[in-house]
Amino acid sequence: MARLQSLCVYCGSKVGANPAYAALAASIGQHCAETGIAVVFGGGRVGLMGELASATVDAGGRITGVIPDHLRQREVAHADLTELIVVDSMHARKRIMAERADAFCVLPGGLGSLDEVVEIITWKQLGLHDKPIVLLDHDGFWQPFLDLLAHQTAHGFVDAGHRALFDVASDVEGVFTAIARQPEPRAALAGTRL
């Protein structure tokens, strides 16, 4: 991609056991702010979402949160965002986040992050988008997921070529290098809607 304008970041609503995860989230937010990349995320003030949002805001960046109304209290919506979009469902949240992004970065997270990464990869497999997807695999966090895909491939449920639907980076710099290597996404894919 010649010019990344907006990055959707999927990440946990908890900070996780390793303090490096919070530092990664903050580093992504700071990098985006410093390079003029708008951030799109789940809207929460807690966990890695909060670290990402606060770092982006503190560095003067633009950030849009998308949060379902039923999670607004549980995940405590971040108050200092450029824009907060409150939606009626998880499906609407994921659709809006995907539509507003030029690319996707997946940080460590729990079941919600796993759901998001599987869905966005599946949408790409189905031709609903052709945007870059990068898993930030700090210290092997995503290796079990990669092992599962290899297992599914070995058993004939995932095509070997589907591994090319996303990249894996070990650090923040690698995320943006991987995105830059990808071709420009088409503005719209004919006849599809996320």
C-alpha atoms as a PDB file:
ATOM      1  CA  MET A   1       0.000   0.000   0.000  1.00  0.00           C
ATOM      2  CA  ALA A   2       1.341   3.368  -0.943  1.00  0.00           C
ATOM      3  CA  ARG A   3      -0.637   5.258   1.698  1.00  0.00           C
ATOM      4  CA  LEU A   4      -2.277   3.764   4.757  1.00  0.00           C
ATOM      5  CA  GLN A   5      -4.920   6.207   5.988  1.00  0.00           C
ATOM      6  CA  SER A   6      -6.800   4.168   8.588  1.00  0.00           C
ATOM      7  CA  LEU A   7      -5.941   1.074  10.614  1.00  0.00           C
ATOM      8  CA  CYS A   8      -8.420  -1.147  12.428  1.00  0.00           C
ATOM      9  CA  VAL A   9      -6.799  -2.584  15.547  1.00  0.00           C
ATOM     10  CA  TYR A  10      -8.337  -5.631  17.201  1.00  0.00           C
ATOM     11  CA  CYS A  11      -7.127  -6.171  20.758  1.00  0.00           C
ATOM     12  CA  GLY A  12      -8.133  -7.406  24.180  1.00  0.00           C
ATOM     13  CA  SER A  13     -10.416  -5.794  26.733  1.00  0.00           C
ATOM     14  CA  LYS A  14      -7.874  -7.026  29.306  1.00  0.00           C
ATOM     15  CA  VAL A  15      -4.185  -6.126  29.468  1.00  0.00           C
ATOM     16  CA  GLY A  16      -3.045  -9.744  29.657  1.00  0.00           C
ATOM     17  CA  ALA A  17      -0.351 -11.402  31.739  1.00  0.00           C
ATOM     18  CA  ASN A  18       2.633  -9.916  29.913  1.00  0.00           C
ATOM     19  CA  PRO A  19       3.256  -6.162  30.414  1.00  0.00           C
ATOM     20  CA  ALA A  20       4.727  -6.074  26.902  1.00  0.00           C
ATOM     21  CA  TYR A  21       1.211  -6.365  25.447  1.00  0.00           C
ATOM     22  CA  ALA A  22       0.190  -2.967  26.847  1.00  0.00           C
ATOM     23  CA  ALA A  23       3.413  -1.457  25.508  1.00  0.00           C
ATOM     24  CA  LEU A  24       2.663  -2.895  22.046  1.00  0.00           C
ATOM     25  CA  ALA A  25      -0.850  -1.412  22.045  1.00  0.00           C
ATOM     26  CA  ALA A  26       0.493   1.984  23.107  1.00  0.00           C
ATOM     27  CA  SER A  27       3.245   1.821  20.493  1.00  0.00           C
ATOM     28  CA  ILE A  28       0.740   1.105  17.705  1.00  0.00           C
ATOM     29  CA  GLY A  29      -1.379   4.074  18.800  1.00  0.00           C
ATOM     30  CA  GLN A  30       1.587   6.411  19.063  1.00  0.00           C
ATOM     31  CA  HIS A  31       2.972   5.329  15.673  1.00  0.00           C
ATOM     32  CA  CYS A  32      -0.399   5.886  14.009  1.00  0.00           C
ATOM     33  CA  ALA A  33      -0.763   9.327  15.585  1.00  0.00           C
ATOM     34  CA  GLU A  34       2.740  10.368  14.563  1.00  0.00           C
ATOM     35  CA  THR A  35       2.289   9.217  10.962  1.00  0.00           C
ATOM     36  CA  GLY A  36      -1.240  10.538  10.426  1.00  0.00           C
ATOM     37  CA  ILE A  37      -2.965   7.150  10.359  1.00  0.00           C
ATOM     38  CA  ALA A  38      -6.463   7.178  11.863  1.00  0.00           C
ATOM     39  CA  VAL A  39      -7.174   4.328  14.280  1.00  0.00           C
ATOM     40  CA  VAL A  40     -10.435   2.377  14.390  1.00  0.00           C
ATOM     41  CA  PHE A  41     -10.998   0.116  17.411  1.00  0.00           C
ATOM     42  CA  GLY A  42     -13.632  -1.380  19.699  1.00  0.00           C
ATOM     43  CA  GLY A  43     -14.257   1.790  21.722  1.00  0.00           C
ATOM     44  CA  GLY A  44     -13.374   0.523  25.202  1.00  0.00           C
ATOM     45  CA  ARG A  45     -11.372   2.302  27.882  1.00  0.00           C
ATOM     46  CA  VAL A  46     -10.220  -0.961  29.482  1.00  0.00           C
ATOM     47  CA  GLY A  47      -7.458  -3.424  28.665  1.00  0.00           C
ATOM     48  CA  LEU A  48      -5.346  -3.158  25.541  1.00  0.00           C
ATOM     49  CA  MET A  49      -8.133  -1.146  23.930  1.00  0.00           C
ATOM     50  CA  GLY A  50      -7.656   1.533  26.553  1.00  0.00           C
ATOM     51  CA  GLU A  51      -3.872   1.491  26.176  1.00  0.00           C
ATOM     52  CA  LEU A  52      -4.198   1.870  22.398  1.00  0.00           C
ATOM     53  CA  ALA A  53      -6.756   4.680  22.643  1.00  0.00           C
ATOM     54  CA  SER A  54      -4.985   6.666  25.343  1.00  0.00           C
ATOM     55  CA  ALA A  55      -1.645   6.512  23.517  1.00  0.00           C
ATOM     56  CA  THR A  56      -3.282   7.618  20.274  1.00  0.00           C
ATOM     57  CA  VAL A  57      -5.087  10.520  21.951  1.00  0.00           C
ATOM     58  CA  ASP A  58      -2.023  11.552  23.981  1.00  0.00           C
ATOM     59  CA  ALA A  59       0.055  11.718  20.779  1.00  0.00           C
ATOM     60  CA  GLY A  60      -2.563  13.896  19.066  1.00  0.00           C
ATOM     61  CA  GLY A  61      -3.931  11.203  16.772  1.00  0.00           C
ATOM     62  CA  ARG A  62      -7.386  10.562  15.369  1.00  0.00           C
ATOM     63  CA  ILE A  63      -9.251   7.547  16.754  1.00  0.00           C
ATOM     64  CA  THR A  64     -12.753   6.202  16.262  1.00  0.00           C
ATOM     65  CA  GLY A  65     -14.293   3.749  18.693  1.00  0.00           C
ATOM     66  CA  VAL A  66     -17.181   1.491  17.727  1.00  0.00           C
ATOM     67  CA  ILE A  67     -18.978  -0.109  20.653  1.00  0.00           C
ATOM     68  CA  PRO A  68     -22.308  -1.923  21.045  1.00  0.00           C
ATOM     69  CA  ASP A  69     -24.658  -0.268  23.504  1.00  0.00           C
ATOM     70  CA  HIS A  70     -24.767  -3.414  25.668  1.00  0.00           C
ATOM     71  CA  LEU A  71     -20.956  -3.254  26.085  1.00  0.00           C
ATOM     72  CA  ARG A  72     -20.698   0.474  26.618  1.00  0.00           C
ATOM     73  CA  GLN A  73     -20.930   0.058  30.397  1.00  0.00           C
ATOM     74  CA  ARG A  74     -19.055  -3.263  30.695  1.00  0.00           C
ATOM     75  CA  GLU A  75     -16.079  -2.174  28.596  1.00  0.00           C
ATOM     76  CA  VAL A  76     -16.467   1.410  29.821  1.00  0.00           C
ATOM     77  CA  ALA A  77     -16.451   3.415  26.605  1.00  0.00           C
ATOM     78  CA  HIS A  78     -13.412   5.660  26.220  1.00  0.00           C
ATOM     79  CA  ALA A  79     -14.440   9.287  26.711  1.00  0.00           C
ATOM     80  CA  ASP A  80     -11.664  11.119  24.870  1.00  0.00           C
ATOM     81  CA  LEU A  81     -11.980   9.774  21.335  1.00  0.00           C
ATOM     82  CA  THR A  82     -12.223  11.715  18.105  1.00  0.00           C
ATOM     83  CA  GLU A  83     -15.470   9.843  17.481  1.00  0.00           C
ATOM     84  CA  LEU A  84     -17.470   7.216  19.391  1.00  0.00           C
ATOM     85  CA  ILE A  85     -20.056   5.247  17.436  1.00  0.00           C
ATOM     86  CA  VAL A  86     -22.581   3.333  19.545  1.00  0.00           C
ATOM     87  CA  VAL A  87     -24.238   0.473  17.659  1.00  0.00           C
ATOM     88  CA  ASP A  88     -26.928  -2.075  18.416  1.00  0.00           C
ATOM     89  CA  SER A  89     -24.965  -5.304  17.884  1.00  0.00           C
ATOM     90  CA  MET A  90     -21.572  -6.974  17.631  1.00  0.00           C
ATOM     91  CA  HIS A  91     -22.270  -7.559  13.929  1.00  0.00           C
ATOM     92  CA  ALA A  92     -22.754  -3.835  13.336  1.00  0.00           C
ATOM     93  CA  ARG A  93     -19.573  -3.093  15.308  1.00  0.00           C
ATOM     94  CA  LYS A  94     -17.440  -5.427  13.198  1.00  0.00           C
ATOM     95  CA  ARG A  95     -18.975  -4.230   9.922  1.00  0.00           C
ATOM     96  CA  ILE A  96     -18.382  -0.542  10.662  1.00  0.00           C
ATOM     97  CA  MET A  97     -14.848  -1.177  11.884  1.00  0.00           C
ATOM     98  CA  ALA A  98     -14.058  -3.105   8.699  1.00  0.00           C
ATOM     99  CA  GLU A  99     -15.644  -0.529   6.403  1.00  0.00           C
ATOM    100  CA  ARG A 100     -13.698   2.344   7.984  1.00  0.00           C
ATOM    101  CA  ALA A 101     -10.290   0.640   7.763  1.00  0.00           C
ATOM    102  CA  ASP A 102      -7.694   0.343   5.005  1.00  0.00           C
ATOM    103  CA  ALA A 103      -5.945  -2.499   6.862  1.00  0.00           C
ATOM    104  CA  PHE A 104      -6.181  -4.608  10.028  1.00  0.00           C
ATOM    105  CA  CYS A 105      -3.753  -5.256  12.871  1.00  0.00           C
ATOM    106  CA  VAL A 106      -4.490  -7.945  15.448  1.00  0.00           C
ATOM    107  CA  LEU A 107      -2.844  -7.637  18.851  1.00  0.00           C
ATOM    108  CA  PRO A 108      -3.068 -10.236  21.620  1.00  0.00           C
ATOM    109  CA  GLY A 109      -6.541 -10.705  22.998  1.00  0.00           C
ATOM    110  CA  GLY A 110      -9.184 -13.144  24.130  1.00  0.00           C
ATOM    111  CA  LEU A 111     -12.252 -14.736  22.563  1.00  0.00           C
ATOM    112  CA  GLY A 112     -13.487 -11.452  21.100  1.00  0.00           C
ATOM    113  CA  SER A 113     -10.179 -10.810  19.344  1.00  0.00           C
ATOM    114  CA  LEU A 114     -10.114 -14.397  18.117  1.00  0.00           C
ATOM    115  CA  ASP A 115     -13.631 -13.968  16.745  1.00  0.00           C
ATOM    116  CA  GLU A 116     -12.608 -10.754  14.989  1.00  0.00           C
ATOM    117  CA  VAL A 117      -9.466 -12.172  13.380  1.00  0.00           C
ATOM    118  CA  VAL A 118     -11.205 -15.320  12.149  1.00  0.00           C
ATOM    119  CA  GLU A 119     -14.094 -13.309  10.726  1.00  0.00           C
ATOM    120  CA  ILE A 120     -11.938 -10.708   8.956  1.00  0.00           C
ATOM    121  CA  ILE A 121      -9.767 -13.453   7.432  1.00  0.00           C
ATOM    122  CA  THR A 122     -12.899 -15.344   6.361  1.00  0.00           C
ATOM    123  CA  TRP A 123     -14.359 -12.199   4.766  1.00  0.00           C
ATOM    124  CA  LYS A 124     -11.133 -11.841   2.794  1.00  0.00           C
ATOM    125  CA  GLN A 125     -11.247 -15.510   1.769  1.00  0.00           C
ATOM    126  CA  LEU A 126     -14.809 -14.959   0.505  1.00  0.00           C
ATOM    127  CA  GLY A 127     -13.807 -11.852  -1.465  1.00  0.00           C
ATOM    128  CA  LEU A 128     -15.762  -9.399   0.686  1.00  0.00           C
ATOM    129  CA  HIS A 129     -12.612  -7.294   1.061  1.00  0.00           C
ATOM    130  CA  ASP A 130      -8.992  -7.415  -0.063  1.00  0.00           C
ATOM    131  CA  LYS A 131      -7.365  -5.326   2.666  1.00  0.00           C
ATOM    132  CA  PRO A 132      -4.124  -6.276   4.442  1.00  0.00           C
ATOM    133  CA  ILE A 133      -4.387  -8.211   7.709  1.00  0.00           C
ATOM    134  CA  VAL A 134      -1.409  -8.533  10.071  1.00  0.00           C
ATOM    135  CA  LEU A 135      -1.211 -10.516  13.309  1.00  0.00           C
ATOM    136  CA  LEU A 136       1.246  -9.018  15.798  1.00  0.00           C
ATOM    137  CA  ASP A 137       2.768 -12.219  17.124  1.00  0.00           C
ATOM    138  CA  HIS A 138       4.793 -10.942  20.053  1.00  0.00           C
ATOM    139  CA  ASP A 139       6.700 -13.758  21.740  1.00  0.00           C
ATOM    140  CA  GLY A 140       4.673 -16.412  19.888  1.00  0.00           C
ATOM    141  CA  PHE A 141       1.247 -15.308  21.156  1.00  0.00           C
ATOM    142  CA  TRP A 142      -0.508 -16.253  17.890  1.00  0.00           C
ATOM    143  CA  GLN A 143       1.505 -19.453  17.280  1.00  0.00           C
ATOM    144  CA  PRO A 144      -1.260 -21.763  18.605  1.00  0.00           C
ATOM    145  CA  PHE A 145      -3.664 -20.147  16.112  1.00  0.00           C
ATOM    146  CA  LEU A 146      -1.161 -20.681  13.293  1.00  0.00           C
ATOM    147  CA  ASP A 147      -0.732 -24.293  14.444  1.00  0.00           C
ATOM    148  CA  LEU A 148      -4.515 -24.786  14.337  1.00  0.00           C
ATOM    149  CA  LEU A 149      -4.670 -23.491  10.761  1.00  0.00           C
ATOM    150  CA  ALA A 150      -1.827 -25.850   9.797  1.00  0.00           C
ATOM    151  CA  HIS A 151      -3.761 -28.704  11.441  1.00  0.00           C
ATOM    152  CA  GLN A 152      -6.936 -27.780   9.552  1.00  0.00           C
ATOM    153  CA  THR A 153      -4.928 -27.573   6.324  1.00  0.00           C
ATOM    154  CA  ALA A 154      -3.367 -30.997   6.928  1.00  0.00           C
ATOM    155  CA  HIS A 155      -6.855 -32.449   7.393  1.00  0.00           C
ATOM    156  CA  GLY A 156      -8.212 -30.895   4.208  1.00  0.00           C
ATOM    157  CA  PHE A 157     -10.467 -28.207   5.686  1.00  0.00           C
ATOM    158  CA  VAL A 158      -8.335 -25.146   4.882  1.00  0.00           C
ATOM    159  CA  ASP A 159      -6.639 -24.635   1.516  1.00  0.00           C
ATOM    160  CA  ALA A 160      -2.870 -24.208   1.764  1.00  0.00           C
ATOM    161  CA  GLY A 161      -3.135 -20.936  -0.149  1.00  0.00           C
ATOM    162  CA  HIS A 162      -5.352 -19.400   2.533  1.00  0.00           C
ATOM    163  CA  ARG A 163      -2.329 -18.828   4.746  1.00  0.00           C
ATOM    164  CA  ALA A 164      -1.462 -16.010   2.308  1.00  0.00           C
ATOM    165  CA  LEU A 165      -4.619 -14.140   3.344  1.00  0.00           C
ATOM    166  CA  PHE A 166      -2.742 -12.543   6.238  1.00  0.00           C
ATOM    167  CA  ASP A 167       0.762 -11.691   7.420  1.00  0.00           C
ATOM    168  CA  VAL A 168       2.439 -12.215  10.757  1.00  0.00           C
ATOM    169  CA  ALA A 169       4.827  -9.687  12.316  1.00  0.00           C
ATOM    170  CA  SER A 170       6.874 -10.006  15.484  1.00  0.00           C
ATOM    171  CA  ASP A 171       7.013  -6.270  16.283  1.00  0.00           C
ATOM    172  CA  VAL A 172       5.279  -2.966  15.584  1.00  0.00           C
ATOM    173  CA  GLU A 173       7.664  -1.980  12.790  1.00  0.00           C
ATOM    174  CA  GLY A 174       6.976  -5.317  11.119  1.00  0.00           C
ATOM    175  CA  VAL A 175       3.230  -4.620  11.114  1.00  0.00           C
ATOM    176  CA  PHE A 176       3.639  -1.472   9.053  1.00  0.00           C
ATOM    177  CA  THR A 177       6.295  -3.044   6.815  1.00  0.00           C
ATOM    178  CA  ALA A 178       3.927  -5.937   6.043  1.00  0.00           C
ATOM    179  CA  ILE A 179       1.067  -3.547   5.242  1.00  0.00           C
ATOM    180  CA  ALA A 180       3.297  -1.434   2.997  1.00  0.00           C
ATOM    181  CA  ARG A 181       4.235  -4.530   0.966  1.00  0.00           C
ATOM    182  CA  GLN A 182       0.603  -5.256   0.101  1.00  0.00           C
ATOM    183  CA  PRO A 183      -1.086  -3.942  -3.060  1.00  0.00           C
ATOM    184  CA  GLU A 184      -3.650  -1.186  -2.770  1.00  0.00           C
ATOM    185  CA  PRO A 185      -7.070  -2.602  -1.911  1.00  0.00           C
ATOM    186  CA  ARG A 186      -9.703  -2.042  -4.567  1.00  0.00           C
ATOM    187  CA  ALA A 187     -12.015   0.805  -3.559  1.00  0.00           C
ATOM    188  CA  ALA A 188     -15.023  -1.508  -3.654  1.00  0.00           C
ATOM    189  CA  LEU A 189     -15.562  -5.104  -4.560  1.00  0.00           C
ATOM    190  CA  ALA A 190     -18.416  -5.390  -7.035  1.00  0.00           C
ATOM    191  CA  GLY A 191     -21.640  -6.811  -5.648  1.00  0.00           C
ATOM    192  CA  THR A 192     -20.439  -7.279  -2.069  1.00  0.00           C
ATOM    193  CA  ARG A 193     -21.286  -5.720   1.256  1.00  0.00           C
ATOM    194  CA  LEU A 194     -19.639  -6.562   4.545  1.00  0.00           C
END
